[in-house]
């Protein structure tokens, strides 16, 4: 299991040590203090960027250069000499971008980026042996890998495939010209997302830099019918304040709940041998709940940073309100009220799920669900716990799909049965997720097996029985590949 850094070693970092006194004062590892400091500085820089380097006051080249230089500075501050891994990967993949043939550009970029990331993951295990005593540089490397592969596939779609063979989304995001080195570096290393993401699309990022981002979304709405003679200028201030409040609450919960219910409780003798099964189940849920606020904090703050710079506008909702959730990585309300495994997964780490869909699920010719889970595990790292989680996730996903398609329609006849069904499926979903993701935080094989033995492998057994005896009905299958423009046009002609 992941060893907690010893107090005497908490200051060890490859990044800057200037905030070491603050780290000691707060009792928080220096790498975490550096991360928060960078994100808070990025927040103020984002407001300045939007106000004083707006598209009307600065050229796209200046905005690209500023975003890149600040991003590189943040990376060096947080990760020191480890940041060289990021720069090497970016330069290698840009070399592929400008030299590889269009027919292979996406393949070469994918295998080089994922290969380099995997080598770095492996080296961290052998160097630190599960104990992370220095700053974890793999986070930014994972985000850069997503962006490199996303861009490579979109360039391939734009220059190497026929328009009629693309889905509507692939056509919308396809790139018709290879980016310059400045554009490429800015997209991958900009200060708004280099530390904590999220992944975004190159076309939307360039539109933001050039000042076309919000207008592109607003043009989808007929504003003249709403009494506007010109396009309004949406302000992100309200969205930023809302997200900063969420991030603050998440940070408070992280500093209290996580210390009160550490993951080490799941392998204590009391949990494994003395507590009854129901107590173990409830305690597992509580511990897993306590491990989530740090993700809520990091992702919500990262979203706020992008919004503060003016990036992330997604249009107008059904009530006519401006929405700033284009880059949102999670929907906390939908996560905590999810009544299906699918609903939970779709609202957790949203941008990564979108990346997996675009580069794997929609493109592989066979076993898309299994290969997508495997790619997700490989992208996260090579700790055995990740593979326990994602392989278990495959079973649970298939079982949940079978139950939903075979049973749900029986409870939709009236309100009372539906409410009862939703209540039961909520409880089952939350417990199933806790069981599935526990190895993700335990990391190693021994504590994972110990936990699952204490739980009698109940979810594995139930999922297998459901898959064997309650198959998905043929009519319940959902078309995996999106319709291409060619197939849509053919239907219209018919």
Protein backbone atom coordinates (compact mmCIF):
# COMPACT_ATOMS: atom_id res chain seq x y z
CA UNK A 1 0.00 0.00 0.00
CA UNK A 2 1.13 3.56 -0.60
CA UNK A 3 3.34 4.61 2.28
CA UNK A 4 2.62 7.96 3.86
CA UNK A 5 5.62 10.30 3.68
CA UNK A 6 7.39 10.54 7.00
CA UNK A 7 7.22 13.93 8.70
CA UNK A 8 10.98 14.34 8.51
CA UNK A 9 10.89 13.72 4.78
CA UNK A 10 7.79 15.73 3.92
CA UNK A 11 9.93 18.61 2.64
CA UNK A 12 11.71 16.49 0.06
CA UNK A 13 10.80 17.68 -3.40
CA UNK A 14 12.42 18.12 -6.76
CA UNK A 15 10.60 21.44 -7.07
CA UNK A 16 11.05 24.72 -5.22
CA UNK A 17 11.65 24.68 -1.46
CA UNK A 18 10.88 28.35 -0.83
CA UNK A 19 7.51 27.43 0.72
CA UNK A 20 9.04 24.91 3.13
CA UNK A 21 8.32 27.10 6.22
CA UNK A 22 4.64 27.28 5.21
CA UNK A 23 4.64 23.50 4.69
CA UNK A 24 5.99 23.00 8.22
CA UNK A 25 3.51 25.47 9.69
CA UNK A 26 0.51 23.76 8.09
CA UNK A 27 1.81 20.21 8.47
CA UNK A 28 1.17 19.54 4.80
CA UNK A 29 3.77 17.97 2.44
CA UNK A 30 5.67 20.57 0.45
CA UNK A 31 4.67 19.15 -2.93
CA UNK A 32 1.00 19.73 -2.06
CA UNK A 33 1.73 23.27 -0.85
CA UNK A 34 3.57 24.01 -4.10
CA UNK A 35 0.66 22.65 -6.12
CA UNK A 36 -1.94 24.81 -4.35
CA UNK A 37 0.33 27.87 -4.50
CA UNK A 38 0.79 27.45 -8.25
CA UNK A 39 -2.92 27.02 -8.85
CA UNK A 40 -3.77 30.09 -6.77
CA UNK A 41 -1.15 32.12 -8.61
CA UNK A 42 -2.54 30.76 -11.88
CA UNK A 43 -5.98 31.98 -10.81
CA UNK A 44 -4.77 35.57 -10.41
CA UNK A 45 -2.71 35.29 -13.61
CA UNK A 46 -5.83 34.07 -15.43
CA UNK A 47 -7.84 37.14 -14.40
CA UNK A 48 -4.96 39.38 -15.49
CA UNK A 49 -4.67 37.45 -18.76
CA UNK A 50 -8.36 37.96 -19.52
CA UNK A 51 -8.38 41.67 -18.62
CA UNK A 52 -5.03 42.92 -19.88
CA UNK A 53 -4.10 40.42 -22.59
CA UNK A 54 -7.54 40.05 -24.09
CA UNK A 55 -7.77 39.32 -27.83
CA UNK A 56 -8.60 42.98 -28.43
CA UNK A 57 -5.41 44.15 -26.71
CA UNK A 58 -2.87 41.48 -27.67
CA UNK A 59 -2.17 39.35 -30.72
CA UNK A 60 -2.68 35.56 -30.65
CA UNK A 61 1.11 35.11 -30.75
CA UNK A 62 1.54 37.20 -27.59
CA UNK A 63 -1.25 35.32 -25.81
CA UNK A 64 0.23 31.97 -26.86
CA UNK A 65 3.71 33.03 -25.71
CA UNK A 66 2.51 34.35 -22.33
CA UNK A 67 0.47 31.22 -21.61
CA UNK A 68 3.42 28.99 -22.55
CA UNK A 69 6.11 30.84 -20.58
CA UNK A 70 3.97 30.97 -17.45
CA UNK A 71 3.07 27.29 -17.83
CA UNK A 72 6.72 26.28 -18.14
CA UNK A 73 7.56 28.39 -15.07
CA UNK A 74 4.85 26.65 -13.03
CA UNK A 75 6.09 23.22 -14.08
CA UNK A 76 9.68 24.02 -13.10
CA UNK A 77 8.53 25.51 -9.77
CA UNK A 78 6.53 22.40 -8.88
CA UNK A 79 8.70 19.64 -10.34
CA UNK A 80 12.22 20.99 -10.77
CA UNK A 81 14.42 18.83 -12.96
CA UNK A 82 11.61 16.27 -13.35
CA UNK A 83 9.94 18.80 -15.65
CA UNK A 84 12.44 17.76 -18.32
CA UNK A 85 10.26 14.67 -18.90
CA UNK A 86 7.42 16.93 -19.96
CA UNK A 87 9.55 18.98 -22.31
CA UNK A 88 11.19 15.92 -23.87
CA UNK A 89 7.82 14.33 -24.58
CA UNK A 90 6.41 17.53 -26.08
CA UNK A 91 9.43 17.99 -28.39
CA UNK A 92 9.47 14.33 -29.45
CA UNK A 93 5.79 14.35 -30.34
CA UNK A 94 6.07 17.66 -32.17
CA UNK A 95 8.80 16.04 -34.24
CA UNK A 96 6.34 13.28 -35.06
CA UNK A 97 3.66 15.88 -35.83
CA UNK A 98 5.76 17.60 -38.52
CA UNK A 99 7.60 14.58 -39.98
CA UNK A 100 5.26 11.57 -39.83
CA UNK A 101 2.86 10.74 -42.64
CA UNK A 102 -0.76 11.73 -42.08
CA UNK A 103 -1.82 8.08 -42.29
CA UNK A 104 0.38 7.20 -39.29
CA UNK A 105 0.63 10.42 -37.31
CA UNK A 106 -2.00 9.37 -34.78
CA UNK A 107 -0.49 5.90 -34.27
CA UNK A 108 3.07 7.13 -33.77
CA UNK A 109 1.96 9.92 -31.43
CA UNK A 110 -0.20 7.55 -29.39
CA UNK A 111 2.44 4.87 -28.91
CA UNK A 112 5.28 7.31 -28.19
CA UNK A 113 3.24 9.35 -25.69
CA UNK A 114 1.74 6.32 -23.94
CA UNK A 115 5.06 4.48 -24.04
CA UNK A 116 6.97 7.38 -22.48
CA UNK A 117 4.27 7.83 -19.83
CA UNK A 118 4.36 4.12 -18.98
CA UNK A 119 8.17 4.13 -18.67
CA UNK A 120 7.89 7.05 -16.25
CA UNK A 121 5.19 5.25 -14.26
CA UNK A 122 7.37 2.14 -13.99
CA UNK A 123 10.44 4.14 -12.95
CA UNK A 124 8.49 5.80 -10.14
CA UNK A 125 7.51 2.44 -8.70
CA UNK A 126 11.06 1.09 -8.76
CA UNK A 127 12.57 4.33 -7.46
CA UNK A 128 10.09 5.06 -4.69
CA UNK A 129 8.61 1.60 -4.06
CA UNK A 130 5.08 2.97 -3.57
CA UNK A 131 6.28 5.70 -1.19
CA UNK A 132 6.11 9.06 -2.94
CA UNK A 133 8.71 11.15 -1.10
CA UNK A 134 9.10 13.73 -3.84
CA UNK A 135 6.69 15.59 -6.05
CA UNK A 136 4.63 13.33 -8.28
CA UNK A 137 5.41 14.58 -11.80
CA UNK A 138 3.22 11.98 -13.48
CA UNK A 139 0.04 14.10 -13.18
CA UNK A 140 1.04 16.78 -15.71
CA UNK A 141 2.60 14.07 -17.89
CA UNK A 142 -0.75 12.28 -17.98
CA UNK A 143 -2.57 15.46 -19.02
CA UNK A 144 0.01 16.19 -21.74
CA UNK A 145 -0.35 12.61 -23.02
CA UNK A 146 -4.10 13.11 -23.37
CA UNK A 147 -3.61 16.34 -25.30
CA UNK A 148 -0.89 14.94 -27.57
CA UNK A 149 -3.01 11.97 -28.59
CA UNK A 150 -6.20 14.03 -28.91
CA UNK A 151 -4.48 16.50 -31.21
CA UNK A 152 -2.84 13.75 -33.29
CA UNK A 153 -6.17 11.99 -33.90
CA UNK A 154 -7.88 15.27 -34.79
CA UNK A 155 -5.10 16.16 -37.26
CA UNK A 156 -5.48 12.69 -38.77
CA UNK A 157 -9.25 13.20 -39.02
CA UNK A 158 -8.81 16.55 -40.72
CA UNK A 159 -6.02 15.70 -43.15
CA UNK A 160 -6.10 11.93 -43.53
CA UNK A 161 -9.75 10.90 -43.67
CA UNK A 162 -12.65 11.68 -45.96
CA UNK A 163 -15.18 14.11 -44.55
CA UNK A 164 -18.08 11.72 -45.15
CA UNK A 165 -16.37 9.04 -43.04
CA UNK A 166 -16.23 11.24 -39.94
CA UNK A 167 -18.86 11.46 -37.26
CA UNK A 168 -20.43 14.87 -36.66
CA UNK A 169 -18.21 15.46 -33.64
CA UNK A 170 -15.05 14.28 -35.39
CA UNK A 171 -15.86 16.62 -38.29
CA UNK A 172 -16.44 19.54 -35.90
CA UNK A 173 -13.10 19.01 -34.13
CA UNK A 174 -11.02 17.94 -37.16
CA UNK A 175 -7.91 20.06 -37.78
CA UNK A 176 -7.10 21.03 -41.35
CA UNK A 177 -3.56 22.35 -40.81
CA UNK A 178 -0.71 21.21 -38.59
CA UNK A 179 -0.04 23.56 -35.67
CA UNK A 180 3.08 25.69 -35.37
CA UNK A 181 5.56 24.98 -32.55
CA UNK A 182 4.22 27.98 -30.60
CA UNK A 183 0.61 26.80 -30.94
CA UNK A 184 1.60 23.23 -30.07
CA UNK A 185 3.57 24.30 -26.98
CA UNK A 186 0.85 26.67 -25.83
CA UNK A 187 -1.84 24.02 -26.16
CA UNK A 188 0.18 21.47 -24.18
CA UNK A 189 1.98 23.65 -21.62
CA UNK A 190 -0.29 26.67 -20.98
CA UNK A 191 -0.43 27.80 -17.35
CA UNK A 192 -4.19 27.24 -17.09
CA UNK A 193 -4.07 23.46 -17.45
CA UNK A 194 -0.47 22.22 -17.33
CA UNK A 195 -0.55 21.38 -13.61
CA UNK A 196 -3.98 19.78 -13.16
CA UNK A 197 -5.65 19.79 -16.55
CA UNK A 198 -8.21 19.29 -17.81
CA UNK A 199 -7.71 17.99 -21.32
CA UNK A 200 -9.40 20.10 -24.00
CA UNK A 201 -9.63 20.27 -27.77
CA UNK A 202 -7.02 22.11 -29.82
CA UNK A 203 -9.59 23.80 -32.04
CA UNK A 204 -11.48 25.21 -29.05
CA UNK A 205 -8.25 26.31 -27.37
CA UNK A 206 -7.06 28.20 -30.46
CA UNK A 207 -10.51 29.81 -30.78
CA UNK A 208 -10.15 30.98 -27.17
CA UNK A 209 -6.69 32.43 -27.78
CA UNK A 210 -7.91 34.23 -30.91
CA UNK A 211 -11.04 35.56 -29.19
CA UNK A 212 -13.59 33.45 -31.10
CA UNK A 213 -14.42 31.02 -28.31
CA UNK A 214 -17.52 32.60 -26.72
CA UNK A 215 -18.93 33.97 -29.97
CA UNK A 216 -18.78 30.52 -31.56
CA UNK A 217 -21.04 29.21 -28.79
CA UNK A 218 -23.32 32.26 -28.77
CA UNK A 219 -23.94 32.10 -32.52
CA UNK A 220 -25.77 28.83 -31.90
CA UNK A 221 -28.52 30.89 -30.22
CA UNK A 222 -30.82 33.32 -32.05
CA UNK A 223 -30.25 36.38 -29.87
CA UNK A 224 -32.44 38.71 -31.93
CA UNK A 225 -35.49 36.79 -30.80
CA UNK A 226 -34.41 37.47 -27.20
CA UNK A 227 -34.24 41.23 -27.77
CA UNK A 228 -30.47 41.51 -28.23
CA UNK A 229 -29.19 43.58 -31.16
CA UNK A 230 -25.65 42.29 -30.70
CA UNK A 231 -24.04 39.30 -29.06
CA UNK A 232 -23.72 39.63 -25.27
CA UNK A 233 -20.36 39.33 -23.53
CA UNK A 234 -20.65 36.55 -20.93
CA UNK A 235 -18.64 37.12 -17.76
CA UNK A 236 -17.11 34.10 -15.99
CA UNK A 237 -16.97 35.85 -12.59
CA UNK A 238 -20.07 34.20 -11.17
CA UNK A 239 -18.98 30.75 -12.33
CA UNK A 240 -15.49 31.27 -10.90
CA UNK A 241 -16.83 32.36 -7.50
CA UNK A 242 -19.18 29.37 -7.39
CA UNK A 243 -16.38 26.94 -8.23
CA UNK A 244 -14.00 28.53 -5.74
CA UNK A 245 -16.62 28.03 -3.01
CA UNK A 246 -16.94 24.35 -3.98
CA UNK A 247 -13.15 24.01 -4.00
CA UNK A 248 -12.90 25.60 -0.54
CA UNK A 249 -15.49 23.23 0.94
CA UNK A 250 -13.73 20.28 -0.72
CA UNK A 251 -10.39 21.37 0.72
CA UNK A 252 -11.91 21.63 4.19
CA UNK A 253 -13.40 18.15 3.88
CA UNK A 254 -10.09 16.81 2.63
CA UNK A 255 -8.20 18.23 5.61
CA UNK A 256 -10.70 16.77 8.08
CA UNK A 257 -12.35 13.63 6.69
CA UNK A 258 -9.27 12.17 5.03
CA UNK A 259 -7.27 12.29 8.26
CA UNK A 260 -10.19 10.92 10.27
CA UNK A 261 -10.83 8.01 7.89
CA UNK A 262 -7.50 7.12 6.25
CA UNK A 263 -7.41 4.35 3.69
CA UNK A 264 -5.12 2.33 5.96
CA UNK A 265 -8.23 1.50 8.02
CA UNK A 266 -9.28 -0.95 5.30
CA UNK A 267 -6.43 -3.34 6.13
CA UNK A 268 -6.52 -3.05 9.92
CA UNK A 269 -7.00 -6.26 11.92
CA UNK A 270 -10.27 -4.89 13.31
CA UNK A 271 -11.68 -4.37 9.82
CA UNK A 272 -10.43 -7.66 8.38
CA UNK A 273 -11.17 -10.00 11.28
CA UNK A 274 -13.46 -8.47 13.90
CA UNK A 275 -16.06 -6.31 12.16
CA UNK A 276 -19.09 -8.04 10.66
CA UNK A 277 -19.78 -7.89 6.94
CA UNK A 278 -22.35 -5.07 7.10
CA UNK A 279 -20.02 -2.94 9.21
CA UNK A 280 -17.19 -3.52 6.74
CA UNK A 281 -19.44 -2.53 3.86
CA UNK A 282 -20.54 0.72 5.51
CA UNK A 283 -17.03 1.56 6.68
CA UNK A 284 -15.66 0.95 3.18
CA UNK A 285 -18.20 3.43 1.82
CA UNK A 286 -17.21 6.06 4.42
CA UNK A 287 -13.49 5.66 3.75
CA UNK A 288 -13.98 5.92 0.00
CA UNK A 289 -16.15 9.01 0.47
CA UNK A 290 -13.35 10.56 2.53
CA UNK A 291 -10.87 9.97 -0.29
CA UNK A 292 -12.86 11.98 -2.88
CA UNK A 293 -12.62 15.61 -1.69
CA UNK A 294 -9.01 15.98 -2.85
CA UNK A 295 -10.13 15.23 -6.42
CA UNK A 296 -13.11 17.56 -6.05
CA UNK A 297 -10.75 20.30 -4.89
CA UNK A 298 -8.07 19.89 -7.56
CA UNK A 299 -10.47 19.54 -10.51
CA UNK A 300 -12.85 22.31 -9.44
CA UNK A 301 -9.97 24.73 -8.84
CA UNK A 302 -8.47 23.85 -12.23
CA UNK A 303 -11.84 24.51 -13.87
CA UNK A 304 -12.07 27.88 -12.09
CA UNK A 305 -8.58 28.86 -13.35
CA UNK A 306 -9.59 28.22 -16.96
CA UNK A 307 -12.87 30.10 -16.53
CA UNK A 308 -11.07 33.06 -14.94
CA UNK A 309 -9.00 33.34 -18.13
CA UNK A 310 -12.21 33.33 -20.19
CA UNK A 311 -11.95 29.72 -21.36
CA UNK A 312 -14.67 27.14 -20.77
CA UNK A 313 -17.83 28.86 -21.98
CA UNK A 314 -20.22 26.17 -23.25
CA UNK A 315 -23.24 28.19 -24.35
CA UNK A 316 -26.66 28.86 -22.89
CA UNK A 317 -28.69 26.37 -20.86
CA UNK A 318 -32.42 25.71 -21.25
CA UNK A 319 -33.21 28.50 -18.78
CA UNK A 320 -31.24 31.07 -20.75
CA UNK A 321 -28.32 31.19 -18.31
CA UNK A 322 -24.72 31.29 -19.44
CA UNK A 323 -22.90 27.99 -18.84
CA UNK A 324 -19.20 27.66 -18.08
CA UNK A 325 -18.87 23.88 -17.92
CA UNK A 326 -17.11 23.08 -21.20
CA UNK A 327 -14.00 21.97 -19.28
CA UNK A 328 -15.66 20.73 -16.08
CA UNK A 329 -14.19 17.44 -14.94
CA UNK A 330 -16.96 16.35 -12.62
CA UNK A 331 -20.55 16.93 -11.57
CA UNK A 332 -20.55 16.46 -7.80
CA UNK A 333 -24.34 16.37 -7.43
CA UNK A 334 -24.78 13.70 -10.09
CA UNK A 335 -21.90 11.66 -8.65
CA UNK A 336 -23.34 11.64 -5.14
CA UNK A 337 -26.88 10.89 -6.39
CA UNK A 338 -25.94 8.42 -9.14
CA UNK A 339 -28.37 5.52 -9.45
CA UNK A 340 -26.27 3.54 -11.91
CA UNK A 341 -22.62 2.67 -12.39
CA UNK A 342 -22.80 4.29 -15.84
CA UNK A 343 -24.15 7.56 -14.44
CA UNK A 344 -21.41 7.65 -11.82
CA UNK A 345 -18.61 7.03 -14.32
CA UNK A 346 -19.99 9.58 -16.81
CA UNK A 347 -19.82 12.34 -14.19
CA UNK A 348 -16.43 11.48 -12.68
CA UNK A 349 -13.26 12.70 -14.46
CA UNK A 350 -15.43 13.73 -17.40
CA UNK A 351 -12.66 14.99 -19.66
CA UNK A 352 -10.66 11.78 -19.27
CA UNK A 353 -13.77 9.72 -20.08
CA UNK A 354 -14.26 11.88 -23.18
CA UNK A 355 -10.62 11.34 -24.18
CA UNK A 356 -10.96 7.57 -23.76
CA UNK A 357 -14.09 7.59 -25.91
CA UNK A 358 -12.51 9.65 -28.69
CA UNK A 359 -9.17 7.84 -28.98
CA UNK A 360 -10.22 4.28 -28.08
CA UNK A 361 -13.88 3.37 -27.59
CA UNK A 362 -15.14 4.84 -30.87
CA UNK A 363 -12.16 3.67 -32.93
CA UNK A 364 -11.14 0.14 -31.91
CA UNK A 365 -12.73 -2.62 -34.02
CA UNK A 366 -13.35 -5.14 -31.22
CA UNK A 367 -13.91 -5.41 -27.44
CA UNK A 368 -14.25 -1.63 -26.98
CA UNK A 369 -15.34 -1.76 -23.33
CA UNK A 370 -12.49 -4.01 -22.21
CA UNK A 371 -9.83 -2.15 -24.21
CA UNK A 372 -11.06 1.21 -22.94
CA UNK A 373 -10.81 0.06 -19.32
CA UNK A 374 -7.32 -1.35 -19.96
CA UNK A 375 -6.16 1.88 -21.61
CA UNK A 376 -7.56 3.83 -18.67
CA UNK A 377 -5.61 1.64 -16.22
CA UNK A 378 -2.40 1.94 -18.25
CA UNK A 379 -2.79 5.71 -18.48
CA UNK A 380 -3.25 5.99 -14.70
CA UNK A 381 -0.11 3.97 -14.02
CA UNK A 382 1.26 0.50 -13.43
CA UNK A 383 0.32 0.00 -9.80
CA UNK A 384 -1.46 -3.38 -9.53
CA UNK A 385 -4.36 -1.76 -7.69
CA UNK A 386 -5.31 0.19 -10.80
CA UNK A 387 -5.76 -3.02 -12.75
CA UNK A 388 -7.81 -4.60 -9.98
CA UNK A 389 -10.09 -1.55 -10.13
CA UNK A 390 -10.50 -1.39 -13.89
CA UNK A 391 -10.85 -5.14 -14.42
CA UNK A 392 -13.45 -5.22 -11.66
CA UNK A 393 -15.03 -2.22 -13.37
CA UNK A 394 -15.49 -4.24 -16.56
CA UNK A 395 -17.44 -6.92 -14.66
CA UNK A 396 -19.54 -4.41 -12.77
CA UNK A 397 -20.31 -2.40 -15.91
CA UNK A 398 -21.49 -5.46 -17.82
CA UNK A 399 -23.52 -6.71 -14.86
CA UNK A 400 -25.12 -3.31 -14.25
CA UNK A 401 -26.01 -3.03 -17.94
CA UNK A 402 -27.65 -6.46 -17.85
CA UNK A 403 -29.70 -5.67 -14.73
CA UNK A 404 -30.80 -2.28 -16.06
CA UNK A 405 -31.92 -3.60 -19.43
CA UNK A 406 -33.73 -6.60 -18.00
CA UNK A 407 -35.32 -5.16 -14.87
CA UNK A 408 -35.69 -1.38 -14.94
CA UNK A 409 -38.81 -1.24 -17.15
CA UNK A 410 -40.79 -3.21 -14.54
CA UNK A 411 -40.50 -0.27 -12.08
CA UNK A 412 -41.51 2.58 -14.39
CA UNK A 413 -45.26 1.95 -14.38
CA UNK A 414 -45.95 4.35 -11.48
CA UNK A 415 -44.16 6.80 -9.20
CA UNK A 416 -43.86 4.69 -6.04
CA UNK A 417 -42.06 1.71 -7.63
CA UNK A 418 -39.73 4.06 -9.49
CA UNK A 419 -38.80 5.92 -6.28
CA UNK A 420 -38.13 2.59 -4.54
CA UNK A 421 -36.08 1.41 -7.52
CA UNK A 422 -34.03 4.63 -7.54
CA UNK A 423 -33.39 4.39 -3.79
CA UNK A 424 -32.17 0.80 -4.03
CA UNK A 425 -30.06 1.40 -7.13
CA UNK A 426 -28.50 4.49 -5.50
CA UNK A 427 -27.37 2.45 -2.48
CA UNK A 428 -26.15 -0.42 -4.66
CA UNK A 429 -24.30 1.95 -7.00
CA UNK A 430 -22.51 3.80 -4.19
CA UNK A 431 -21.44 0.58 -2.48
CA UNK A 432 -20.41 -1.01 -5.78
CA UNK A 433 -18.26 2.00 -6.66
CA UNK A 434 -16.62 1.94 -3.22
CA UNK A 435 -15.83 -1.75 -3.63
CA UNK A 436 -14.52 -1.26 -7.16
CA UNK A 437 -12.26 1.75 -6.56
CA UNK A 438 -10.77 0.64 -3.23
CA UNK A 439 -7.74 -1.01 -4.92
CA UNK A 440 -7.15 2.27 -6.75
CA UNK A 441 -6.13 3.91 -3.46
CA UNK A 442 -4.57 0.79 -1.90
CA UNK A 443 -2.27 0.41 -4.95
CA UNK A 444 -0.54 -2.87 -4.04
CA UNK A 445 -1.62 -6.49 -4.41
CA UNK A 446 -1.45 -7.64 -0.78
CA UNK A 447 -3.78 -5.04 0.77
CA UNK A 448 -6.17 -5.37 -2.17
CA UNK A 449 -6.46 -9.14 -1.76
CA UNK A 450 -6.79 -8.71 2.00
CA UNK A 451 -9.68 -6.28 1.52
CA UNK A 452 -11.49 -8.39 -1.04
CA UNK A 453 -11.05 -11.53 1.07
CA UNK A 454 -12.60 -9.73 4.03
CA UNK A 455 -15.50 -8.79 1.71
CA UNK A 456 -15.74 -12.40 0.44
CA UNK A 457 -15.26 -11.18 -3.16
CA UNK A 458 -19.02 -10.61 -3.05
CA UNK A 459 -19.28 -8.13 -5.93
CA UNK A 460 -17.08 -10.22 -8.23
CA UNK A 461 -19.24 -13.27 -7.60
CA UNK A 462 -22.55 -11.42 -7.98
CA UNK A 463 -21.39 -9.70 -11.19
CA UNK A 464 -20.27 -12.98 -12.74
CA UNK A 465 -23.58 -14.66 -11.89
CA UNK A 466 -25.54 -11.77 -13.39
CA UNK A 467 -23.49 -11.83 -16.59
CA UNK A 468 -23.91 -15.60 -16.92
CA UNK A 469 -27.62 -15.83 -16.16
CA UNK A 470 -28.98 -12.40 -17.05
CA UNK A 471 -27.56 -11.47 -20.45
CA UNK A 472 -28.20 -8.14 -22.10
CA UNK A 473 -31.20 -8.25 -24.38
CA UNK A 474 -30.28 -7.74 -28.05
CA UNK A 475 -32.56 -4.74 -28.43
CA UNK A 476 -30.88 -3.03 -25.49
CA UNK A 477 -27.56 -2.70 -27.28
CA UNK A 478 -26.57 0.85 -28.01
CA UNK A 479 -24.76 1.63 -31.24
CA UNK A 480 -21.12 2.15 -30.26
CA UNK A 481 -19.79 3.96 -33.27
CA UNK A 482 -21.31 7.38 -33.96
CA UNK A 483 -23.02 7.86 -37.28
CA UNK A 484 -20.75 9.24 -39.97
CA UNK A 485 -21.76 12.22 -42.07
CA UNK A 486 -21.99 9.84 -45.02
CA UNK A 487 -24.55 7.62 -43.26
CA UNK A 488 -26.55 10.65 -42.11
CA UNK A 489 -26.65 12.09 -45.62
CA UNK A 490 -27.66 8.69 -47.00
CA UNK A 491 -30.62 8.51 -44.59
CA UNK A 492 -31.70 12.00 -45.62
CA UNK A 493 -31.54 10.99 -49.28
CA UNK A 494 -33.54 7.83 -48.62
